Structures are given as C-alpha cells and as structure tokens.
All heavy atoms as atom14 arrays in JSON, in Angstrom:
{
  "sequence": "QWAQALGPLESPVEHGGTRTQYAHVIATHYRVEYEQLFGELPDLREA",
  "atom14_mask": [
    [1, 1, 1, 1, 1, 1, 1, 1, 1, 0, 0, 0, 0, 0],
    [1, 1, 1, 1, 1, 1, 1, 1, 1, 1, 1, 1, 1, 1],
    [1, 1, 1, 1, 1, 0, 0, 0, 0, 0, 0, 0, 0, 0],
    [1, 1, 1, 1, 1, 1, 1, 1, 1, 0, 0, 0, 0, 0],
    [1, 1, 1, 1, 1, 0, 0, 0, 0, 0, 0, 0, 0, 0],
    [1, 1, 1, 1, 1, 1, 1, 1, 0, 0, 0, 0, 0, 0],
    [1, 1, 1, 1, 0, 0, 0, 0, 0, 0, 0, 0, 0, 0],
    [1, 1, 1, 1, 1, 1, 1, 0, 0, 0, 0, 0, 0, 0],
    [1, 1, 1, 1, 1, 1, 1, 1, 0, 0, 0, 0, 0, 0],
    [1, 1, 1, 1, 1, 1, 1, 1, 1, 0, 0, 0, 0, 0],
    [1, 1, 1, 1, 1, 1, 0, 0, 0, 0, 0, 0, 0, 0],
    [1, 1, 1, 1, 1, 1, 1, 0, 0, 0, 0, 0, 0, 0],
    [1, 1, 1, 1, 1, 1, 1, 0, 0, 0, 0, 0, 0, 0],
    [1, 1, 1, 1, 1, 1, 1, 1, 1, 0, 0, 0, 0, 0],
    [1, 1, 1, 1, 1, 1, 1, 1, 1, 1, 0, 0, 0, 0],
    [1, 1, 1, 1, 0, 0, 0, 0, 0, 0, 0, 0, 0, 0],
    [1, 1, 1, 1, 0, 0, 0, 0, 0, 0, 0, 0, 0, 0],
    [1, 1, 1, 1, 1, 1, 1, 0, 0, 0, 0, 0, 0, 0],
    [1, 1, 1, 1, 1, 1, 1, 1, 1, 1, 1, 0, 0, 0],
    [1, 1, 1, 1, 1, 1, 1, 0, 0, 0, 0, 0, 0, 0],
    [1, 1, 1, 1, 1, 1, 1, 1, 1, 0, 0, 0, 0, 0],
    [1, 1, 1, 1, 1, 1, 1, 1, 1, 1, 1, 1, 0, 0],
    [1, 1, 1, 1, 1, 0, 0, 0, 0, 0, 0, 0, 0, 0],
    [1, 1, 1, 1, 1, 1, 1, 1, 1, 1, 0, 0, 0, 0],
    [1, 1, 1, 1, 1, 1, 1, 0, 0, 0, 0, 0, 0, 0],
    [1, 1, 1, 1, 1, 1, 1, 1, 0, 0, 0, 0, 0, 0],
    [1, 1, 1, 1, 1, 0, 0, 0, 0, 0, 0, 0, 0, 0],
    [1, 1, 1, 1, 1, 1, 1, 0, 0, 0, 0, 0, 0, 0],
    [1, 1, 1, 1, 1, 1, 1, 1, 1, 1, 0, 0, 0, 0],
    [1, 1, 1, 1, 1, 1, 1, 1, 1, 1, 1, 1, 0, 0],
    [1, 1, 1, 1, 1, 1, 1, 1, 1, 1, 1, 0, 0, 0],
    [1, 1, 1, 1, 1, 1, 1, 0, 0, 0, 0, 0, 0, 0],
    [1, 1, 1, 1, 1, 1, 1, 1, 1, 0, 0, 0, 0, 0],
    [1, 1, 1, 1, 1, 1, 1, 1, 1, 1, 1, 1, 0, 0],
    [1, 1, 1, 1, 1, 1, 1, 1, 1, 0, 0, 0, 0, 0],
    [1, 1, 1, 1, 1, 1, 1, 1, 1, 0, 0, 0, 0, 0],
    [1, 1, 1, 1, 1, 1, 1, 1, 0, 0, 0, 0, 0, 0],
    [1, 1, 1, 1, 1, 1, 1, 1, 1, 1, 1, 0, 0, 0],
    [1, 1, 1, 1, 0, 0, 0, 0, 0, 0, 0, 0, 0, 0],
    [1, 1, 1, 1, 1, 1, 1, 1, 1, 0, 0, 0, 0, 0],
    [1, 1, 1, 1, 1, 1, 1, 1, 0, 0, 0, 0, 0, 0],
    [1, 1, 1, 1, 1, 1, 1, 0, 0, 0, 0, 0, 0, 0],
    [1, 1, 1, 1, 1, 1, 1, 1, 0, 0, 0, 0, 0, 0],
    [1, 1, 1, 1, 1, 1, 1, 1, 0, 0, 0, 0, 0, 0],
    [1, 1, 1, 1, 1, 1, 1, 1, 1, 1, 1, 0, 0, 0],
    [1, 1, 1, 1, 1, 1, 1, 1, 1, 0, 0, 0, 0, 0],
    [1, 1, 1, 1, 1, 0, 0, 0, 0, 0, 0, 0, 0, 0]
  ],
  "atom14_positions": [
    [[88.9, 85.91, 80.69], [88.86, 87.11, 79.86], [89.89, 88.14, 80.32], [90.47, 88.85, 79.49], [87.46, 87.72, 79.9], [86.43, 86.96, 79.08], [85.07, 87.63, 79.13], [84.55, 87.9, 80.2], [84.49, 87.9, 77.96], [0.0, 0.0, 0.0], [0.0, 0.0, 0.0], [0.0, 0.0, 0.0], [0.0, 0.0, 0.0], [0.0, 0.0, 0.0]],
    [[90.12, 88.23, 81.63], [91.09, 89.24, 82.09], [92.51, 88.85, 81.73], [93.33, 89.72, 81.36], [90.95, 89.51, 83.59], [91.27, 88.38, 84.53], [90.39, 87.48, 85.05], [92.55, 88.06, 85.09], [91.04, 86.61, 85.89], [92.35, 86.95, 85.94], [93.82, 88.61, 84.98], [93.4, 86.36, 86.65], [94.88, 88.03, 85.68], [94.65, 86.91, 86.51]],
    [[92.84, 87.58, 81.8], [94.17, 87.15, 81.38], [94.35, 87.35, 79.88], [95.43, 87.72, 79.41], [94.4, 85.69, 81.76], [0.0, 0.0, 0.0], [0.0, 0.0, 0.0], [0.0, 0.0, 0.0], [0.0, 0.0, 0.0], [0.0, 0.0, 0.0], [0.0, 0.0, 0.0], [0.0, 0.0, 0.0], [0.0, 0.0, 0.0], [0.0, 0.0, 0.0]],
    [[93.28, 87.12, 79.13], [93.34, 87.35, 77.68], [93.6, 88.83, 77.38], [94.4, 89.16, 76.5], [92.02, 86.91, 77.04], [91.97, 87.07, 75.53], [91.66, 88.48, 75.07], [90.86, 89.17, 75.69], [92.27, 88.91, 73.99], [0.0, 0.0, 0.0], [0.0, 0.0, 0.0], [0.0, 0.0, 0.0], [0.0, 0.0, 0.0], [0.0, 0.0, 0.0]],
    [[92.96, 89.71, 78.13], [93.11, 91.15, 77.87], [94.54, 91.61, 78.11], [95.01, 92.56, 77.47], [92.15, 91.94, 78.77], [0.0, 0.0, 0.0], [0.0, 0.0, 0.0], [0.0, 0.0, 0.0], [0.0, 0.0, 0.0], [0.0, 0.0, 0.0], [0.0, 0.0, 0.0], [0.0, 0.0, 0.0], [0.0, 0.0, 0.0], [0.0, 0.0, 0.0]],
    [[95.27, 90.94, 78.99], [96.63, 91.35, 79.31], [97.62, 90.98, 78.22], [98.61, 91.69, 78.01], [97.07, 90.72, 80.64], [96.28, 91.14, 81.88], [96.79, 90.4, 83.11], [96.36, 92.64, 82.1], [0.0, 0.0, 0.0], [0.0, 0.0, 0.0], [0.0, 0.0, 0.0], [0.0, 0.0, 0.0], [0.0, 0.0, 0.0], [0.0, 0.0, 0.0]],
    [[97.38, 89.88, 77.52], [98.33, 89.42, 76.51], [98.66, 90.46, 75.44], [99.83, 90.8, 75.22], [0.0, 0.0, 0.0], [0.0, 0.0, 0.0], [0.0, 0.0, 0.0], [0.0, 0.0, 0.0], [0.0, 0.0, 0.0], [0.0, 0.0, 0.0], [0.0, 0.0, 0.0], [0.0, 0.0, 0.0], [0.0, 0.0, 0.0], [0.0, 0.0, 0.0]],
    [[97.66, 91.01, 74.75], [97.94, 92.0, 73.7], [98.61, 93.26, 74.22], [99.36, 93.92, 73.49], [96.55, 92.31, 73.14], [95.73, 91.09, 73.45], [96.25, 90.62, 74.77], [0.0, 0.0, 0.0], [0.0, 0.0, 0.0], [0.0, 0.0, 0.0], [0.0, 0.0, 0.0], [0.0, 0.0, 0.0], [0.0, 0.0, 0.0], [0.0, 0.0, 0.0]],
    [[98.36, 93.64, 75.48], [98.91, 94.88, 76.0], [100.44, 94.89, 75.99], [101.07, 95.92, 75.77], [98.41, 95.14, 77.42], [96.91, 95.48, 77.55], [96.52, 95.57, 79.03], [96.59, 96.79, 76.84], [0.0, 0.0, 0.0], [0.0, 0.0, 0.0], [0.0, 0.0, 0.0], [0.0, 0.0, 0.0], [0.0, 0.0, 0.0], [0.0, 0.0, 0.0]],
    [[101.04, 93.71, 76.2], [102.51, 93.62, 76.21], [103.08, 93.05, 74.91], [104.3, 93.0, 74.76], [102.99, 92.77, 77.38], [102.82, 93.45, 78.73], [103.46, 92.67, 79.87], [103.31, 91.43, 79.92], [104.11, 93.31, 80.71], [0.0, 0.0, 0.0], [0.0, 0.0, 0.0], [0.0, 0.0, 0.0], [0.0, 0.0, 0.0], [0.0, 0.0, 0.0]],
    [[102.22, 92.66, 73.99], [102.71, 92.1, 72.73], [103.31, 93.21, 71.87], [102.68, 94.24, 71.63], [101.55, 91.44, 71.97], [101.92, 91.18, 70.62], [0.0, 0.0, 0.0], [0.0, 0.0, 0.0], [0.0, 0.0, 0.0], [0.0, 0.0, 0.0], [0.0, 0.0, 0.0], [0.0, 0.0, 0.0], [0.0, 0.0, 0.0], [0.0, 0.0, 0.0]],
    [[104.52, 93.01, 71.34], [105.16, 94.05, 70.53], [104.45, 94.33, 69.22], [104.65, 95.4, 68.64], [106.57, 93.49, 70.28], [106.43, 92.01, 70.45], [105.39, 91.83, 71.51], [0.0, 0.0, 0.0], [0.0, 0.0, 0.0], [0.0, 0.0, 0.0], [0.0, 0.0, 0.0], [0.0, 0.0, 0.0], [0.0, 0.0, 0.0], [0.0, 0.0, 0.0]],
    [[103.6, 93.4, 68.75], [102.89, 93.63, 67.5], [101.42, 93.98, 67.71], [100.68, 94.16, 66.75], [102.99, 92.4, 66.56], [104.42, 92.2, 66.1], [102.45, 91.14, 67.24], [0.0, 0.0, 0.0], [0.0, 0.0, 0.0], [0.0, 0.0, 0.0], [0.0, 0.0, 0.0], [0.0, 0.0, 0.0], [0.0, 0.0, 0.0], [0.0, 0.0, 0.0]],
    [[101.01, 94.11, 68.98], [99.62, 94.51, 69.25], [99.64, 95.89, 69.92], [99.78, 96.9, 69.24], [98.92, 93.42, 70.07], [98.79, 92.14, 69.24], [98.11, 91.01, 69.96], [96.88, 91.06, 70.11], [98.82, 90.07, 70.39], [0.0, 0.0, 0.0], [0.0, 0.0, 0.0], [0.0, 0.0, 0.0], [0.0, 0.0, 0.0], [0.0, 0.0, 0.0]],
    [[99.55, 95.98, 71.23], [99.61, 97.3, 71.87], [101.05, 97.79, 72.04], [101.31, 98.99, 71.95], [98.93, 97.25, 73.24], [97.45, 97.08, 73.16], [96.56, 98.05, 73.57], [96.67, 96.05, 72.72], [95.31, 97.63, 73.39], [95.36, 96.41, 72.87], [0.0, 0.0, 0.0], [0.0, 0.0, 0.0], [0.0, 0.0, 0.0], [0.0, 0.0, 0.0]],
    [[101.96, 96.86, 72.31], [103.37, 97.19, 72.35], [103.84, 97.96, 73.56], [104.96, 98.46, 73.58], [0.0, 0.0, 0.0], [0.0, 0.0, 0.0], [0.0, 0.0, 0.0], [0.0, 0.0, 0.0], [0.0, 0.0, 0.0], [0.0, 0.0, 0.0], [0.0, 0.0, 0.0], [0.0, 0.0, 0.0], [0.0, 0.0, 0.0], [0.0, 0.0, 0.0]],
    [[103.0, 98.1, 74.6], [103.37, 98.88, 75.78], [103.92, 98.01, 76.89], [104.23, 96.83, 76.71], [0.0, 0.0, 0.0], [0.0, 0.0, 0.0], [0.0, 0.0, 0.0], [0.0, 0.0, 0.0], [0.0, 0.0, 0.0], [0.0, 0.0, 0.0], [0.0, 0.0, 0.0], [0.0, 0.0, 0.0], [0.0, 0.0, 0.0], [0.0, 0.0, 0.0]],
    [[104.04, 98.61, 78.07], [104.63, 97.92, 79.22], [103.83, 98.18, 80.49], [103.0, 99.09, 80.55], [106.08, 98.4, 79.47], [106.05, 99.79, 79.81], [106.96, 98.18, 78.25], [0.0, 0.0, 0.0], [0.0, 0.0, 0.0], [0.0, 0.0, 0.0], [0.0, 0.0, 0.0], [0.0, 0.0, 0.0], [0.0, 0.0, 0.0], [0.0, 0.0, 0.0]],
    [[104.12, 97.41, 81.5], [103.38, 97.48, 82.76], [103.54, 98.83, 83.46], [102.56, 99.38, 83.96], [103.82, 96.35, 83.69], [103.48, 95.0, 83.13], [103.85, 93.85, 84.04], [103.75, 92.61, 83.28], [103.91, 91.4, 83.77], [104.17, 91.24, 85.06], [103.81, 90.34, 82.99], [0.0, 0.0, 0.0], [0.0, 0.0, 0.0], [0.0, 0.0, 0.0]],
    [[104.76, 99.34, 83.52], [104.92, 100.62, 84.2], [104.22, 101.73, 83.41], [103.65, 102.66, 84.0], [106.4, 100.99, 84.41], [107.05, 101.11, 83.15], [107.1, 99.96, 85.28], [0.0, 0.0, 0.0], [0.0, 0.0, 0.0], [0.0, 0.0, 0.0], [0.0, 0.0, 0.0], [0.0, 0.0, 0.0], [0.0, 0.0, 0.0], [0.0, 0.0, 0.0]],
    [[104.28, 101.66, 82.08], [103.58, 102.65, 81.27], [102.1, 102.67, 81.6], [101.5, 103.73, 81.8], [103.78, 102.35, 79.78], [103.0, 103.27, 78.86], [102.99, 102.79, 77.41], [103.73, 101.9, 77.04], [102.14, 103.38, 76.6], [0.0, 0.0, 0.0], [0.0, 0.0, 0.0], [0.0, 0.0, 0.0], [0.0, 0.0, 0.0], [0.0, 0.0, 0.0]],
    [[101.48, 101.49, 81.67], [100.05, 101.41, 81.94], [99.72, 101.86, 83.35], [98.69, 102.49, 83.59], [99.55, 99.98, 81.69], [99.78, 99.51, 80.27], [100.19, 98.22, 79.99], [99.61, 100.38, 79.2], [100.42, 97.79, 78.7], [99.83, 99.96, 77.9], [100.24, 98.66, 77.65], [100.46, 98.25, 76.36], [0.0, 0.0, 0.0], [0.0, 0.0, 0.0]],
    [[100.59, 101.54, 84.3], [100.37, 102.0, 85.68], [100.38, 103.53, 85.74], [99.56, 104.14, 86.45], [101.44, 101.42, 86.6], [0.0, 0.0, 0.0], [0.0, 0.0, 0.0], [0.0, 0.0, 0.0], [0.0, 0.0, 0.0], [0.0, 0.0, 0.0], [0.0, 0.0, 0.0], [0.0, 0.0, 0.0], [0.0, 0.0, 0.0], [0.0, 0.0, 0.0]],
    [[101.28, 104.15, 84.99], [101.32, 105.61, 84.95], [100.07, 106.2, 84.29], [99.56, 107.25, 84.72], [102.58, 106.09, 84.22], [103.83, 105.99, 85.02], [104.02, 106.68, 86.21], [104.98, 105.26, 84.82], [105.22, 106.39, 86.7], [105.82, 105.53, 85.87], [0.0, 0.0, 0.0], [0.0, 0.0, 0.0], [0.0, 0.0, 0.0], [0.0, 0.0, 0.0]],
    [[99.56, 105.54, 83.26], [98.31, 105.99, 82.63], [97.17, 105.96, 83.63], [96.38, 106.91, 83.73], [97.97, 105.13, 81.4], [96.56, 105.43, 80.89], [98.98, 105.36, 80.27], [0.0, 0.0, 0.0], [0.0, 0.0, 0.0], [0.0, 0.0, 0.0], [0.0, 0.0, 0.0], [0.0, 0.0, 0.0], [0.0, 0.0, 0.0], [0.0, 0.0, 0.0]],
    [[97.09, 104.88, 84.39], [96.04, 104.78, 85.41], [96.2, 105.88, 86.45], [95.22, 106.56, 86.83], [96.09, 103.39, 86.09], [95.73, 102.29, 85.09], [95.14, 103.35, 87.29], [94.33, 102.35, 84.54], [0.0, 0.0, 0.0], [0.0, 0.0, 0.0], [0.0, 0.0, 0.0], [0.0, 0.0, 0.0], [0.0, 0.0, 0.0], [0.0, 0.0, 0.0]],
    [[97.4, 106.09, 86.92], [97.64, 107.09, 87.95], [97.32, 108.5, 87.46], [96.81, 109.33, 88.22], [99.09, 107.02, 88.42], [0.0, 0.0, 0.0], [0.0, 0.0, 0.0], [0.0, 0.0, 0.0], [0.0, 0.0, 0.0], [0.0, 0.0, 0.0], [0.0, 0.0, 0.0], [0.0, 0.0, 0.0], [0.0, 0.0, 0.0], [0.0, 0.0, 0.0]],
    [[97.58, 108.77, 86.2], [97.38, 110.12, 85.65], [95.94, 110.38, 85.25], [95.41, 111.48, 85.47], [98.3, 110.33, 84.43], [99.67, 110.13, 84.83], [98.14, 111.73, 83.86], [0.0, 0.0, 0.0], [0.0, 0.0, 0.0], [0.0, 0.0, 0.0], [0.0, 0.0, 0.0], [0.0, 0.0, 0.0], [0.0, 0.0, 0.0], [0.0, 0.0, 0.0]],
    [[95.27, 109.36, 84.69], [93.97, 109.6, 84.07], [92.79, 108.89, 84.75], [91.64, 109.26, 84.53], [94.02, 109.16, 82.6], [95.05, 109.88, 81.8], [94.92, 111.18, 81.38], [96.28, 109.47, 81.35], [95.98, 111.55, 80.7], [96.84, 110.53, 80.66], [0.0, 0.0, 0.0], [0.0, 0.0, 0.0], [0.0, 0.0, 0.0], [0.0, 0.0, 0.0]],
    [[93.07, 107.89, 85.59], [91.97, 107.11, 86.16], [92.11, 106.9, 87.66], [91.52, 105.98, 88.22], [91.89, 105.74, 85.47], [91.58, 105.8, 84.0], [92.58, 105.59, 83.04], [90.29, 106.06, 83.55], [92.3, 105.64, 81.69], [89.99, 106.1, 82.19], [91.0, 105.9, 81.27], [90.71, 105.95, 79.92], [0.0, 0.0, 0.0], [0.0, 0.0, 0.0]],
    [[92.88, 107.71, 88.32], [93.21, 107.47, 89.72], [91.96, 107.32, 90.6], [91.84, 106.37, 91.38], [94.09, 108.61, 90.28], [94.43, 108.44, 91.77], [95.32, 109.55, 92.27], [96.64, 109.49, 91.68], [97.64, 108.76, 92.18], [97.44, 108.03, 93.29], [98.82, 108.77, 91.6], [0.0, 0.0, 0.0], [0.0, 0.0, 0.0], [0.0, 0.0, 0.0]],
    [[91.03, 108.26, 90.5], [89.86, 108.23, 91.38], [89.04, 106.97, 91.15], [88.68, 106.25, 92.1], [88.98, 109.48, 91.17], [87.67, 109.36, 91.95], [89.74, 110.74, 91.6], [0.0, 0.0, 0.0], [0.0, 0.0, 0.0], [0.0, 0.0, 0.0], [0.0, 0.0, 0.0], [0.0, 0.0, 0.0], [0.0, 0.0, 0.0], [0.0, 0.0, 0.0]],
    [[88.74, 106.66, 89.88], [87.94, 105.47, 89.58], [88.65, 104.2, 90.01], [88.04, 103.26, 90.54], [87.65, 105.41, 88.08], [86.71, 106.5, 87.59], [86.68, 106.56, 86.09], [87.49, 107.31, 85.51], [85.84, 105.88, 85.48], [0.0, 0.0, 0.0], [0.0, 0.0, 0.0], [0.0, 0.0, 0.0], [0.0, 0.0, 0.0], [0.0, 0.0, 0.0]],
    [[89.95, 104.15, 89.75], [90.73, 102.96, 90.12], [90.72, 102.76, 91.64], [90.48, 101.66, 92.13], [92.15, 103.09, 89.6], [93.04, 101.91, 89.95], [93.2, 100.86, 89.06], [93.7, 101.83, 91.18], [94.0, 99.76, 89.38], [94.5, 100.75, 91.5], [94.63, 99.72, 90.6], [95.41, 98.63, 90.92], [0.0, 0.0, 0.0], [0.0, 0.0, 0.0]],
    [[91.0, 103.83, 92.38], [91.14, 103.68, 93.83], [89.8, 103.4, 94.5], [89.76, 102.73, 95.55], [91.8, 104.93, 94.4], [93.26, 105.06, 93.98], [94.0, 106.19, 94.67], [93.33, 107.12, 95.17], [95.25, 106.13, 94.72], [0.0, 0.0, 0.0], [0.0, 0.0, 0.0], [0.0, 0.0, 0.0], [0.0, 0.0, 0.0], [0.0, 0.0, 0.0]],
    [[88.71, 103.87, 93.92], [87.4, 103.53, 94.46], [87.12, 102.03, 94.33], [86.4, 101.44, 95.14], [86.31, 104.32, 93.75], [86.27, 105.8, 94.12], [85.23, 106.57, 93.35], [84.69, 106.08, 92.35], [84.92, 107.78, 93.81], [0.0, 0.0, 0.0], [0.0, 0.0, 0.0], [0.0, 0.0, 0.0], [0.0, 0.0, 0.0], [0.0, 0.0, 0.0]],
    [[87.71, 101.43, 93.34], [87.46, 100.02, 93.05], [88.48, 99.09, 93.68], [88.13, 98.06, 94.26], [87.44, 99.84, 91.52], [87.01, 98.5, 90.94], [85.59, 98.15, 91.37], [87.1, 98.58, 89.41], [0.0, 0.0, 0.0], [0.0, 0.0, 0.0], [0.0, 0.0, 0.0], [0.0, 0.0, 0.0], [0.0, 0.0, 0.0], [0.0, 0.0, 0.0]],
    [[89.76, 99.47, 93.6], [90.84, 98.56, 93.99], [91.66, 99.03, 95.19], [92.53, 98.3, 95.68], [91.79, 98.35, 92.82], [91.17, 97.69, 91.63], [90.92, 98.41, 90.47], [90.81, 96.34, 91.65], [90.34, 97.81, 89.36], [90.24, 95.72, 90.55], [89.99, 96.46, 89.4], [0.0, 0.0, 0.0], [0.0, 0.0, 0.0], [0.0, 0.0, 0.0]],
    [[91.41, 100.24, 95.68], [92.21, 100.76, 96.77], [93.34, 101.65, 96.25], [93.5, 101.88, 95.06], [0.0, 0.0, 0.0], [0.0, 0.0, 0.0], [0.0, 0.0, 0.0], [0.0, 0.0, 0.0], [0.0, 0.0, 0.0], [0.0, 0.0, 0.0], [0.0, 0.0, 0.0], [0.0, 0.0, 0.0], [0.0, 0.0, 0.0], [0.0, 0.0, 0.0]],
    [[94.15, 102.12, 97.16], [95.17, 103.12, 96.85], [96.21, 102.6, 95.86], [96.72, 101.48, 95.98], [95.86, 103.57, 98.13], [96.84, 104.71, 97.95], [97.44, 105.18, 99.25], [97.1, 104.57, 100.31], [98.24, 106.13, 99.24], [0.0, 0.0, 0.0], [0.0, 0.0, 0.0], [0.0, 0.0, 0.0], [0.0, 0.0, 0.0], [0.0, 0.0, 0.0]],
    [[96.54, 103.44, 94.89], [97.6, 103.12, 93.95], [98.95, 103.15, 94.65], [99.16, 103.92, 95.61], [97.62, 104.13, 92.8], [96.66, 103.9, 91.64], [96.5, 105.18, 90.83], [97.15, 102.76, 90.76], [0.0, 0.0, 0.0], [0.0, 0.0, 0.0], [0.0, 0.0, 0.0], [0.0, 0.0, 0.0], [0.0, 0.0, 0.0], [0.0, 0.0, 0.0]],
    [[99.92, 102.36, 94.19], [101.26, 102.42, 94.79], [101.98, 103.71, 94.37], [101.58, 104.38, 93.41], [101.95, 101.19, 94.2], [101.26, 100.97, 92.89], [99.83, 101.34, 93.14], [0.0, 0.0, 0.0], [0.0, 0.0, 0.0], [0.0, 0.0, 0.0], [0.0, 0.0, 0.0], [0.0, 0.0, 0.0], [0.0, 0.0, 0.0], [0.0, 0.0, 0.0]],
    [[103.03, 104.02, 95.07], [103.88, 105.15, 94.72], [104.69, 104.77, 93.47], [105.48, 103.82, 93.51], [104.81, 105.47, 95.89], [105.66, 106.72, 95.66], [105.73, 107.19, 94.5], [106.25, 107.22, 96.63], [0.0, 0.0, 0.0], [0.0, 0.0, 0.0], [0.0, 0.0, 0.0], [0.0, 0.0, 0.0], [0.0, 0.0, 0.0], [0.0, 0.0, 0.0]],
    [[104.49, 105.51, 92.4], [105.13, 105.16, 91.13], [106.29, 106.08, 90.78], [106.8, 106.07, 89.66], [104.09, 105.2, 90.01], [102.92, 104.23, 90.11], [101.89, 104.49, 89.02], [103.4, 102.78, 90.04], [0.0, 0.0, 0.0], [0.0, 0.0, 0.0], [0.0, 0.0, 0.0], [0.0, 0.0, 0.0], [0.0, 0.0, 0.0], [0.0, 0.0, 0.0]],
    [[106.76, 106.88, 91.74], [107.81, 107.84, 91.44], [109.11, 107.16, 91.01], [109.88, 107.73, 90.22], [108.05, 108.74, 92.65], [106.98, 109.8, 92.84], [107.2, 110.61, 94.1], [107.06, 109.81, 95.31], [107.16, 110.3, 96.53], [107.43, 111.6, 96.73], [107.01, 109.51, 97.58], [0.0, 0.0, 0.0], [0.0, 0.0, 0.0], [0.0, 0.0, 0.0]],
    [[109.37, 105.96, 91.5], [110.59, 105.26, 91.12], [110.39, 104.37, 89.9], [111.35, 103.8, 89.37], [111.09, 104.4, 92.29], [111.4, 105.2, 93.56], [112.49, 106.23, 93.32], [113.45, 105.9, 92.61], [112.36, 107.36, 93.85], [0.0, 0.0, 0.0], [0.0, 0.0, 0.0], [0.0, 0.0, 0.0], [0.0, 0.0, 0.0], [0.0, 0.0, 0.0]],
    [[109.16, 104.25, 89.44], [108.87, 103.38, 88.29], [109.21, 104.1, 86.99], [108.75, 105.23, 86.77], [107.41, 102.97, 88.29], [0.0, 0.0, 0.0], [0.0, 0.0, 0.0], [0.0, 0.0, 0.0], [0.0, 0.0, 0.0], [0.0, 0.0, 0.0], [0.0, 0.0, 0.0], [0.0, 0.0, 0.0], [0.0, 0.0, 0.0], [0.0, 0.0, 0.0]]
  ]
}
C-alpha cells in the first residue's frame, strides 16, 4: 500500500508534484508529528 501511495504523487496526471516539494511540505506543516515517528528531518536548505 505504501508503494502504491507513492506512484500517484509523482505522476504528472495525478498529483503532479515532486519529492523535494513533499519534503518541504512535511518540514513546514508536519515537522513535529513526522519527527516523533521517524526521527529528525534532514536539512532541506539546499533542496
């Protein structure tokens, strides 16, 4: 199911976004929840 969820996110005719875009969304809007679950987010300043 997790691999399935990733496919549409990068599909140009479905979500149409990109990996760095989604990483920035997580860092901006979900940082606390994400880091409690998966650990510290990487430094995205160069992304």
